[in-house]
């Protein structure tokens, strides 16, 4: 799953997993935004599996741009 990350004008970091609708978080720094979005993505995937819903095919667990 690809993680997109950008810095907002107010200094917060926004991290998103585009393949999982709604998986988006803000963090005070880049590392915390990435950690939080990974945790949220894993919770969403677990919930979908538990409820028999479809999950996207994964080539790798997380890909974070340098």
N, C-alpha and C. Protein backbone atom coordinates (compact mmCIF):
# COMPACT_ATOMS: atom_id res chain seq x y z
N UNK A 1 0.86 -1.18 0.00
CA UNK A 1 0.00 0.00 0.00
C UNK A 1 0.89 1.23 0.00
N UNK A 2 0.55 2.14 -0.84
CA UNK A 2 1.32 3.37 -0.98
C UNK A 2 0.78 4.41 0.02
N UNK A 3 1.70 5.06 0.69
CA UNK A 3 1.35 6.16 1.59
C UNK A 3 1.77 7.46 0.92
N UNK A 4 0.83 8.39 0.86
CA UNK A 4 1.15 9.73 0.36
C UNK A 4 1.24 10.64 1.57
N UNK A 5 2.23 11.50 1.56
CA UNK A 5 2.42 12.39 2.71
C UNK A 5 2.78 13.78 2.22
N UNK A 6 2.22 14.77 2.89
CA UNK A 6 2.53 16.16 2.54
C UNK A 6 2.42 17.03 3.77
N UNK A 7 3.08 18.15 3.71
CA UNK A 7 3.05 19.09 4.83
C UNK A 7 2.06 20.21 4.50
N UNK A 8 1.17 20.47 5.43
CA UNK A 8 0.17 21.53 5.28
C UNK A 8 0.80 22.89 5.57
N UNK A 9 0.13 23.95 5.17
CA UNK A 9 0.63 25.31 5.39
C UNK A 9 0.78 25.64 6.87
N UNK A 10 -0.04 25.00 7.72
CA UNK A 10 0.03 25.27 9.16
C UNK A 10 1.10 24.42 9.87
N UNK A 11 1.86 23.62 9.11
CA UNK A 11 2.95 22.84 9.68
C UNK A 11 2.61 21.40 9.99
N UNK A 12 1.31 21.06 10.02
CA UNK A 12 0.93 19.67 10.28
C UNK A 12 1.27 18.81 9.06
N UNK A 13 1.43 17.52 9.31
CA UNK A 13 1.68 16.56 8.25
C UNK A 13 0.41 15.76 7.99
N UNK A 14 0.08 15.55 6.73
CA UNK A 14 -1.08 14.77 6.32
C UNK A 14 -0.59 13.51 5.64
N UNK A 15 -1.01 12.36 6.13
CA UNK A 15 -0.65 11.08 5.54
C UNK A 15 -1.93 10.37 5.12
N UNK A 16 -1.88 9.71 3.94
CA UNK A 16 -3.07 9.07 3.38
C UNK A 16 -2.66 7.78 2.68
N UNK A 17 -3.56 6.79 2.73
CA UNK A 17 -3.41 5.57 1.94
C UNK A 17 -4.50 5.62 0.88
N UNK A 18 -4.17 6.03 -0.34
CA UNK A 18 -5.20 6.22 -1.37
C UNK A 18 -6.01 4.96 -1.71
N UNK A 19 -5.42 3.78 -1.54
CA UNK A 19 -6.13 2.54 -1.86
C UNK A 19 -7.20 2.18 -0.84
N UNK A 20 -7.22 2.86 0.29
CA UNK A 20 -8.22 2.62 1.33
C UNK A 20 -8.97 3.93 1.59
N UNK A 21 -10.14 4.03 1.01
CA UNK A 21 -10.94 5.26 1.11
C UNK A 21 -11.10 5.69 2.57
N UNK A 22 -10.78 6.95 2.84
CA UNK A 22 -10.97 7.51 4.16
C UNK A 22 -9.81 7.31 5.13
N UNK A 23 -8.78 6.59 4.71
CA UNK A 23 -7.63 6.37 5.60
C UNK A 23 -6.67 7.54 5.43
N UNK A 24 -6.86 8.52 6.30
CA UNK A 24 -6.12 9.78 6.24
C UNK A 24 -5.97 10.30 7.66
N UNK A 25 -4.78 10.73 8.02
CA UNK A 25 -4.55 11.26 9.36
C UNK A 25 -3.61 12.47 9.31
N UNK A 26 -3.70 13.28 10.34
CA UNK A 26 -2.77 14.38 10.54
C UNK A 26 -1.81 14.01 11.67
N UNK A 27 -0.60 14.52 11.59
CA UNK A 27 0.37 14.33 12.65
C UNK A 27 1.17 15.60 12.87
N UNK A 28 1.70 15.75 14.07
CA UNK A 28 2.52 16.92 14.39
C UNK A 28 3.85 16.90 13.65
N UNK A 29 4.32 15.68 13.34
CA UNK A 29 5.56 15.55 12.56
C UNK A 29 5.37 14.41 11.56
N UNK A 30 6.31 14.29 10.62
CA UNK A 30 6.21 13.31 9.55
C UNK A 30 6.12 11.88 10.10
N UNK A 31 6.98 11.57 11.05
CA UNK A 31 7.02 10.21 11.60
C UNK A 31 5.72 9.83 12.29
N UNK A 32 5.13 10.74 13.04
CA UNK A 32 3.89 10.41 13.75
C UNK A 32 2.73 10.27 12.77
N UNK A 33 2.71 11.06 11.71
CA UNK A 33 1.66 10.93 10.70
C UNK A 33 1.75 9.58 10.01
N UNK A 34 2.97 9.16 9.67
CA UNK A 34 3.16 7.86 9.01
C UNK A 34 2.77 6.72 9.94
N UNK A 35 3.20 6.77 11.18
CA UNK A 35 2.85 5.71 12.14
C UNK A 35 1.34 5.62 12.34
N UNK A 36 0.69 6.77 12.44
CA UNK A 36 -0.76 6.78 12.66
C UNK A 36 -1.53 6.26 11.46
N UNK A 37 -1.09 6.62 10.25
CA UNK A 37 -1.82 6.16 9.07
C UNK A 37 -1.61 4.66 8.85
N UNK A 38 -0.43 4.15 9.21
CA UNK A 38 -0.20 2.70 9.12
C UNK A 38 -1.13 1.97 10.08
N UNK A 39 -1.24 2.45 11.31
CA UNK A 39 -2.10 1.82 12.30
C UNK A 39 -3.56 1.84 11.85
N UNK A 40 -4.01 2.97 11.33
CA UNK A 40 -5.39 3.08 10.87
C UNK A 40 -5.64 2.15 9.69
N UNK A 41 -4.70 2.08 8.75
CA UNK A 41 -4.86 1.20 7.59
C UNK A 41 -4.98 -0.26 8.02
N UNK A 42 -4.16 -0.67 8.97
CA UNK A 42 -4.22 -2.05 9.46
C UNK A 42 -5.55 -2.33 10.15
N UNK A 43 -6.06 -1.36 10.92
CA UNK A 43 -7.37 -1.54 11.57
C UNK A 43 -8.49 -1.66 10.54
N UNK A 44 -8.43 -0.84 9.49
CA UNK A 44 -9.45 -0.89 8.43
C UNK A 44 -9.40 -2.22 7.71
N UNK A 45 -8.19 -2.69 7.36
CA UNK A 45 -8.05 -3.98 6.69
C UNK A 45 -8.58 -5.12 7.57
N UNK A 46 -8.22 -5.10 8.85
CA UNK A 46 -8.69 -6.15 9.77
C UNK A 46 -10.21 -6.15 9.87
N UNK A 47 -10.80 -4.97 9.93
CA UNK A 47 -12.25 -4.87 10.02
C UNK A 47 -12.91 -5.42 8.76
N UNK A 48 -12.35 -5.09 7.60
CA UNK A 48 -12.91 -5.59 6.35
C UNK A 48 -12.81 -7.11 6.27
N UNK A 49 -11.68 -7.66 6.66
CA UNK A 49 -11.51 -9.12 6.64
C UNK A 49 -12.50 -9.77 7.60
N UNK A 50 -12.61 -9.21 8.79
CA UNK A 50 -13.52 -9.76 9.80
C UNK A 50 -14.96 -9.79 9.31
N UNK A 51 -15.35 -8.80 8.52
CA UNK A 51 -16.73 -8.71 8.04
C UNK A 51 -16.91 -9.29 6.64
N UNK A 52 -15.88 -9.98 6.13
CA UNK A 52 -15.99 -10.64 4.83
C UNK A 52 -16.00 -9.69 3.65
N UNK A 53 -15.51 -8.48 3.85
CA UNK A 53 -15.47 -7.51 2.77
C UNK A 53 -14.18 -7.66 1.97
N UNK A 54 -14.20 -7.12 0.77
CA UNK A 54 -13.04 -7.19 -0.11
C UNK A 54 -11.93 -6.26 0.39
N UNK A 55 -10.70 -6.72 0.24
CA UNK A 55 -9.54 -5.89 0.56
C UNK A 55 -8.68 -5.80 -0.69
N UNK A 56 -7.96 -4.69 -0.87
CA UNK A 56 -7.13 -4.55 -2.07
C UNK A 56 -5.98 -5.56 -2.07
N UNK A 57 -5.60 -5.98 -3.27
CA UNK A 57 -4.43 -6.86 -3.41
C UNK A 57 -3.19 -6.09 -2.99
N UNK A 58 -2.33 -6.72 -2.23
CA UNK A 58 -1.15 -6.04 -1.71
C UNK A 58 0.11 -6.64 -2.32
N UNK A 59 0.96 -5.77 -2.89
CA UNK A 59 2.27 -6.19 -3.36
C UNK A 59 3.29 -6.04 -2.25
N UNK A 60 3.09 -5.05 -1.42
CA UNK A 60 3.95 -4.81 -0.27
C UNK A 60 3.08 -4.19 0.81
N UNK A 61 3.50 -4.28 2.04
CA UNK A 61 2.66 -3.80 3.13
C UNK A 61 2.56 -2.28 3.09
N UNK A 62 3.68 -1.56 3.17
CA UNK A 62 3.65 -0.11 3.10
C UNK A 62 4.83 0.40 2.27
N UNK A 63 4.57 1.38 1.45
CA UNK A 63 5.61 2.04 0.69
C UNK A 63 5.55 3.52 1.03
N UNK A 64 6.59 4.03 1.66
CA UNK A 64 6.63 5.43 2.09
C UNK A 64 7.68 6.15 1.27
N UNK A 65 7.32 7.28 0.65
CA UNK A 65 8.32 8.02 -0.11
C UNK A 65 9.43 8.55 0.81
N UNK A 66 10.61 8.60 0.30
CA UNK A 66 11.75 9.07 1.09
C UNK A 66 11.70 10.55 1.33
